[in-house]
Amino acid sequence: MEAVHNHSLHNDLPEAVSEPDYSIHKFSIPASPQPRTTVHPLPAVHAESPSPKYSVSEEPRVKQRKWTRWPLLLLYGLLLTVIAGVAGGLIGKTIERNNHNRDAYVNGVTYPSPTSGSAQSLSSSSSPSSSVSPSTPTVSSTVFKRTIPQPTSGCTSAAPYRSFKSRSNFINIPYSTICGQGWLDFDLTAMSVATQSDCIESCSMYNAHKQTGDRSCVGAGFLPAWWNQTLAMVESKITPYNCFLKTNTSGIARNNEKFEVIALCMQGECDDISG
């Protein structure tokens, strides 16, 4: 009865539900290997080998200065300034000395003349064992002006229109002088010369150097007093010249001016002109 009752009690309970199987939802996880520890042998340390030591310098490092060009350029500028100053001073001194020498020459330079006083001093100071040095020019208070006397033409007032033949002083060319006559035209060129010989030689030199086709010089008009160029400027009112080269003899005529004029002719050019 009791067993039946127990069975009936179990029959009255709800049916037991079996637990679900979750094995299908599980994933297989491989077993993790155990960590391994690798031990390496340490190198043998010898007690007798000392460890290296390094010395550190405590001195601060000096920063090198970068070289620049401007001090060198400044030095060059100073040198150029000094050189220019020295050169300018030398040039100025040279010019001053040349001007002084020229003024002394223009104003006059005298040489010691063999006067009685100088001769006595020379004889009193000379001896067989002494030598006499050459004298040097000295500037004296009594000076002569740098003037050249007026050249003479060879013409005289007694025969104011005469003519004569001569030879030049340097190149010895023959030429004729006609007194009291001159050219009215046919100027070739003009210059200032010291003598009539210089004037006719200028005519000859012109012919020697002229180009083919240029006009020839046949003679020249010469005015002796116009060697003074100041006087020539005053009387001519044009140029300071006294020698006028000519290209034609047909313009020769007698002089009617107050100053002397002569005609100079190359050889054979004025033979048909009488004084």
Protein backbone atom coordinates (compact mmCIF):
# COMPACT_ATOMS: atom_id res chain seq x y z
CA MET A 1 0.00 0.00 0.00
CA GLU A 2 2.80 2.22 0.82
CA ALA A 3 4.58 1.40 -2.40
CA VAL A 4 1.49 2.12 -4.34
CA HIS A 5 1.07 5.33 -2.59
CA ASN A 6 4.59 6.35 -3.38
CA HIS A 7 4.11 5.46 -6.92
CA SER A 8 1.02 7.49 -7.05
CA LEU A 9 2.80 10.39 -5.57
CA HIS A 10 5.38 10.23 -8.25
CA ASN A 11 2.80 10.00 -10.87
CA ASP A 12 1.24 13.18 -9.61
CA LEU A 13 4.53 15.16 -10.12
CA PRO A 14 5.30 16.73 -13.44
CA GLU A 15 7.52 14.85 -15.75
CA ALA A 16 11.19 15.59 -15.15
CA VAL A 17 12.84 17.60 -17.93
CA SER A 18 16.26 16.46 -18.95
CA GLU A 19 19.07 19.02 -18.88
CA PRO A 20 20.14 20.34 -22.26
CA ASP A 21 23.41 19.19 -23.66
CA TYR A 22 25.66 22.20 -24.31
CA SER A 23 28.53 20.17 -25.68
CA ILE A 24 27.64 21.06 -29.25
CA HIS A 25 28.24 24.75 -28.48
CA LYS A 26 31.64 24.19 -26.97
CA PHE A 27 34.88 24.78 -28.88
CA SER A 28 37.95 22.81 -28.34
CA ILE A 29 40.77 24.98 -26.98
CA PRO A 30 44.18 23.56 -27.41
CA ALA A 31 46.12 23.20 -24.35
CA SER A 32 48.53 26.07 -23.84
CA PRO A 33 52.07 24.96 -23.66
CA GLN A 34 53.81 25.69 -20.50
CA PRO A 35 56.24 28.67 -20.69
CA ARG A 36 59.81 27.71 -21.00
CA THR A 37 62.69 29.59 -19.53
CA THR A 38 65.95 29.60 -21.51
CA VAL A 39 69.02 30.11 -19.49
CA HIS A 40 72.14 31.32 -21.28
CA PRO A 41 75.43 30.97 -19.65
CA LEU A 42 77.06 34.26 -18.69
CA PRO A 43 80.50 35.03 -20.06
CA ALA A 44 83.25 34.41 -17.72
CA VAL A 45 84.42 37.54 -16.01
CA HIS A 46 88.04 37.60 -15.17
CA ALA A 47 88.84 39.44 -12.10
CA GLU A 48 92.23 40.49 -13.34
CA SER A 49 91.04 42.34 -16.50
CA PRO A 50 90.29 45.92 -15.46
CA SER A 51 87.29 47.70 -16.90
CA PRO A 52 88.20 50.52 -19.37
CA LYS A 53 88.29 53.98 -17.98
CA TYR A 54 87.68 57.19 -19.94
CA SER A 55 88.83 60.64 -18.96
CA VAL A 56 86.49 63.53 -19.63
CA SER A 57 88.09 66.92 -20.17
CA GLU A 58 86.40 69.60 -18.20
CA GLU A 59 87.84 72.49 -20.33
CA PRO A 60 85.15 74.31 -22.33
CA ARG A 61 85.39 74.00 -26.08
CA VAL A 62 86.55 77.25 -27.68
CA LYS A 63 84.33 78.36 -30.52
CA GLN A 64 86.35 79.24 -33.61
CA ARG A 65 85.77 82.72 -34.98
CA LYS A 66 84.75 82.91 -38.58
CA TRP A 67 87.09 85.06 -40.71
CA THR A 68 85.48 87.96 -42.54
CA ARG A 69 86.77 90.00 -45.47
CA TRP A 70 85.96 93.51 -44.36
CA PRO A 71 89.15 94.04 -42.28
CA LEU A 72 91.22 93.11 -45.34
CA LEU A 73 89.23 95.49 -47.54
CA LEU A 74 89.71 98.25 -44.97
CA LEU A 75 93.46 97.62 -44.99
CA TYR A 76 93.55 97.79 -48.79
CA GLY A 77 91.65 101.08 -48.69
CA LEU A 78 94.11 102.58 -46.23
CA LEU A 79 97.08 101.45 -48.32
CA LEU A 80 95.58 102.94 -51.48
CA THR A 81 94.93 106.22 -49.67
CA VAL A 82 98.52 106.41 -48.44
CA ILE A 83 99.93 105.55 -51.89
CA ALA A 84 97.71 108.15 -53.57
CA GLY A 85 98.81 110.79 -51.07
CA VAL A 86 102.50 110.04 -51.56
CA ALA A 87 102.15 110.00 -55.36
CA GLY A 88 100.25 113.28 -55.31
CA GLY A 89 102.91 114.89 -53.16
CA LEU A 90 105.72 113.72 -55.44
CA ILE A 91 103.89 114.93 -58.53
CA GLY A 92 103.22 118.29 -56.91
CA LYS A 93 106.86 118.67 -55.92
CA THR A 94 108.00 117.77 -59.43
CA ILE A 95 105.64 120.28 -61.02
CA GLU A 96 106.71 122.96 -58.57
CA ARG A 97 110.38 122.27 -59.25
CA ASN A 98 109.84 122.34 -63.03
CA ASN A 99 107.95 125.62 -62.78
CA HIS A 100 110.72 127.07 -60.67
CA ASN A 101 113.37 125.99 -63.17
CA ARG A 102 111.34 127.34 -66.07
CA ASP A 103 110.82 130.68 -64.34
CA ALA A 104 114.51 130.89 -63.57
CA TYR A 105 115.32 130.15 -67.20
CA VAL A 106 112.80 132.70 -68.52
CA ASN A 107 113.83 135.41 -66.07
CA GLY A 108 117.47 134.75 -66.76
CA VAL A 109 120.37 132.64 -65.62
CA THR A 110 123.92 133.94 -65.63
CA TYR A 111 127.08 131.95 -65.71
CA PRO A 112 130.20 133.10 -63.91
CA SER A 113 132.20 135.21 -66.32
CA PRO A 114 136.00 135.13 -66.29
CA THR A 115 136.40 138.56 -64.69
CA SER A 116 139.55 139.75 -62.99
CA GLY A 117 138.14 139.06 -59.55
CA SER A 118 137.22 135.48 -60.40
CA ALA A 119 140.56 134.94 -62.11
CA GLN A 120 142.40 136.16 -59.01
CA SER A 121 140.36 133.93 -56.73
CA LEU A 122 140.98 130.98 -59.02
CA SER A 123 144.74 131.58 -59.15
CA SER A 124 144.97 132.08 -55.40
CA SER A 125 143.07 128.90 -54.60
CA SER A 126 144.69 126.67 -57.22
CA SER A 127 147.67 124.51 -56.40
CA PRO A 128 149.50 121.64 -58.15
CA SER A 129 147.73 119.09 -55.95
CA SER A 130 144.24 120.56 -56.29
CA SER A 131 141.80 120.25 -59.19
CA VAL A 132 139.34 122.83 -60.43
CA SER A 133 135.73 121.64 -60.67
CA PRO A 134 133.57 122.98 -63.48
CA SER A 135 131.38 125.89 -62.52
CA THR A 136 127.61 125.53 -62.35
CA PRO A 137 125.04 128.09 -63.45
CA THR A 138 123.79 130.36 -60.69
CA VAL A 139 120.82 132.69 -60.56
CA SER A 140 122.02 136.26 -60.22
CA SER A 141 120.33 139.58 -59.63
CA THR A 142 121.68 140.81 -62.96
CA VAL A 143 119.83 138.63 -65.42
CA PHE A 144 119.07 138.80 -69.09
CA LYS A 145 115.66 138.35 -70.61
CA ARG A 146 114.98 135.41 -72.88
CA THR A 147 114.84 137.43 -76.05
CA ILE A 148 116.16 136.74 -79.52
CA PRO A 149 117.11 139.75 -81.59
CA GLN A 150 115.00 140.60 -84.59
CA PRO A 151 116.33 138.72 -87.61
CA THR A 152 117.98 140.76 -90.34
CA SER A 153 116.80 140.30 -93.90
CA GLY A 154 119.83 141.68 -95.71
CA CYS A 155 117.71 144.46 -97.20
CA THR A 156 118.69 148.11 -96.68
CA SER A 157 116.96 151.42 -97.04
CA ALA A 158 119.49 152.42 -99.70
CA ALA A 159 118.22 149.66 -102.00
CA PRO A 160 114.73 148.82 -100.66
CA TYR A 161 113.70 146.68 -103.67
CA ARG A 162 116.84 144.83 -104.51
CA SER A 163 117.03 141.04 -104.87
CA PHE A 164 119.83 138.59 -104.10
CA LYS A 165 120.46 134.87 -103.90
CA SER A 166 121.40 132.92 -100.76
CA ARG A 167 121.53 129.44 -99.29
CA SER A 168 119.72 128.26 -96.18
CA ASN A 169 121.62 127.59 -92.98
CA PHE A 170 120.77 123.94 -92.26
CA ILE A 171 119.83 122.01 -95.39
CA ASN A 172 121.72 124.40 -97.68
CA ILE A 173 119.01 124.92 -100.30
CA PRO A 174 119.38 127.84 -102.73
CA TYR A 175 116.71 130.56 -102.64
CA SER A 176 116.17 134.18 -103.67
CA THR A 177 115.29 137.18 -101.49
CA ILE A 178 113.32 140.09 -103.00
CA CYS A 179 113.33 143.12 -100.73
CA GLY A 180 110.32 145.37 -100.26
CA GLN A 181 107.87 142.96 -101.87
CA GLY A 182 105.41 140.37 -100.67
CA TRP A 183 102.48 138.18 -101.63
CA LEU A 184 98.96 139.50 -101.63
CA ASP A 185 97.36 136.06 -101.75
CA PHE A 186 97.93 132.33 -102.32
CA ASP A 187 98.57 131.41 -98.70
CA LEU A 188 99.37 127.74 -98.14
CA THR A 189 100.07 127.74 -94.40
CA ALA A 190 101.61 130.02 -91.77
CA MET A 191 104.05 129.64 -88.88
CA SER A 192 106.41 131.55 -86.62
CA VAL A 193 110.14 131.17 -87.35
CA ALA A 194 113.32 132.87 -86.21
CA THR A 195 114.98 133.67 -89.54
CA GLN A 196 114.19 133.84 -93.23
CA SER A 197 116.38 130.74 -93.68
CA ASP A 198 114.00 128.82 -91.40
CA CYS A 199 111.07 130.12 -93.41
CA ILE A 200 112.34 128.97 -96.81
CA GLU A 201 113.45 125.61 -95.36
CA SER A 202 109.89 125.13 -94.11
CA CYS A 203 108.75 125.56 -97.71
CA SER A 204 111.24 122.93 -98.87
CA MET A 205 110.22 120.47 -96.14
CA TYR A 206 106.56 120.93 -97.03
CA ASN A 207 107.28 119.93 -100.62
CA ALA A 208 109.24 116.89 -99.44
CA HIS A 209 106.30 115.57 -97.38
CA LYS A 210 103.23 116.66 -99.32
CA GLN A 211 100.84 114.11 -100.76
CA THR A 212 100.38 113.48 -104.47
CA GLY A 213 97.99 116.06 -105.85
CA ASP A 214 98.72 118.65 -103.14
CA ARG A 215 99.85 122.11 -104.16
CA SER A 216 103.58 122.84 -104.10
CA CYS A 217 105.25 125.59 -102.12
CA VAL A 218 107.09 128.08 -104.39
CA GLY A 219 108.20 130.53 -101.71
CA ALA A 220 107.15 132.49 -98.66
CA GLY A 221 106.40 135.95 -97.41
CA PHE A 222 108.56 136.83 -94.43
CA LEU A 223 108.15 139.69 -91.94
CA PRO A 224 111.27 140.02 -89.73
CA ALA A 225 109.66 142.26 -87.09
CA TRP A 226 106.83 139.82 -86.51
CA TRP A 227 109.24 137.44 -84.83
CA ASN A 228 107.76 139.26 -81.83
CA GLN A 229 104.45 137.44 -81.75
CA THR A 230 102.80 140.10 -79.61
CA LEU A 231 103.64 142.71 -82.23
CA ALA A 232 102.44 140.35 -84.97
CA MET A 233 99.07 140.00 -83.27
CA VAL A 234 98.72 143.76 -82.91
CA GLU A 235 99.73 144.67 -86.47
CA SER A 236 98.09 141.78 -88.32
CA LYS A 237 95.00 141.67 -86.08
CA ILE A 238 94.75 137.98 -87.00
CA THR A 239 97.67 135.66 -86.24
CA PRO A 240 101.03 135.69 -84.41
CA TYR A 241 102.96 134.31 -87.42
CA ASN A 242 105.73 135.83 -89.54
CA CYS A 243 106.26 133.18 -92.26
CA PHE A 244 103.53 132.55 -94.85
CA LEU A 245 104.13 129.77 -97.38
CA LYS A 246 102.85 130.49 -100.89
CA THR A 247 101.75 128.43 -103.89
CA ASN A 248 101.97 130.98 -106.74
CA THR A 249 104.34 133.81 -107.63
CA SER A 250 101.77 135.87 -109.51
CA GLY A 251 100.63 137.53 -106.29
CA ILE A 252 103.96 139.20 -105.52
CA ALA A 253 103.74 143.01 -105.33
CA ARG A 254 105.57 145.87 -103.70
CA ASN A 255 105.00 146.41 -100.02
CA ASN A 256 102.99 149.46 -99.04
CA GLU A 257 102.79 148.69 -95.32
CA LYS A 258 104.72 150.46 -92.57
CA PHE A 259 106.47 147.23 -91.55
CA GLU A 260 109.11 145.36 -93.55
CA VAL A 261 107.98 142.56 -95.86
CA ILE A 262 110.25 140.44 -98.08
CA ALA A 263 109.57 137.70 -100.59
CA LEU A 264 111.51 134.43 -100.42
CA CYS A 265 111.46 132.21 -103.51
CA MET A 266 112.59 128.65 -104.12
CA GLN A 267 115.30 128.28 -106.77
CA GLY A 268 114.01 129.20 -110.24
CA GLU A 269 110.55 130.33 -109.08
CA CYS A 270 111.02 134.13 -109.06
CA ASP A 271 113.63 134.69 -111.77
CA ASP A 272 111.21 136.78 -113.83
CA ILE A 273 110.45 139.13 -110.95
CA SER A 274 112.75 142.14 -110.57
CA GLY A 275 113.09 144.26 -107.53
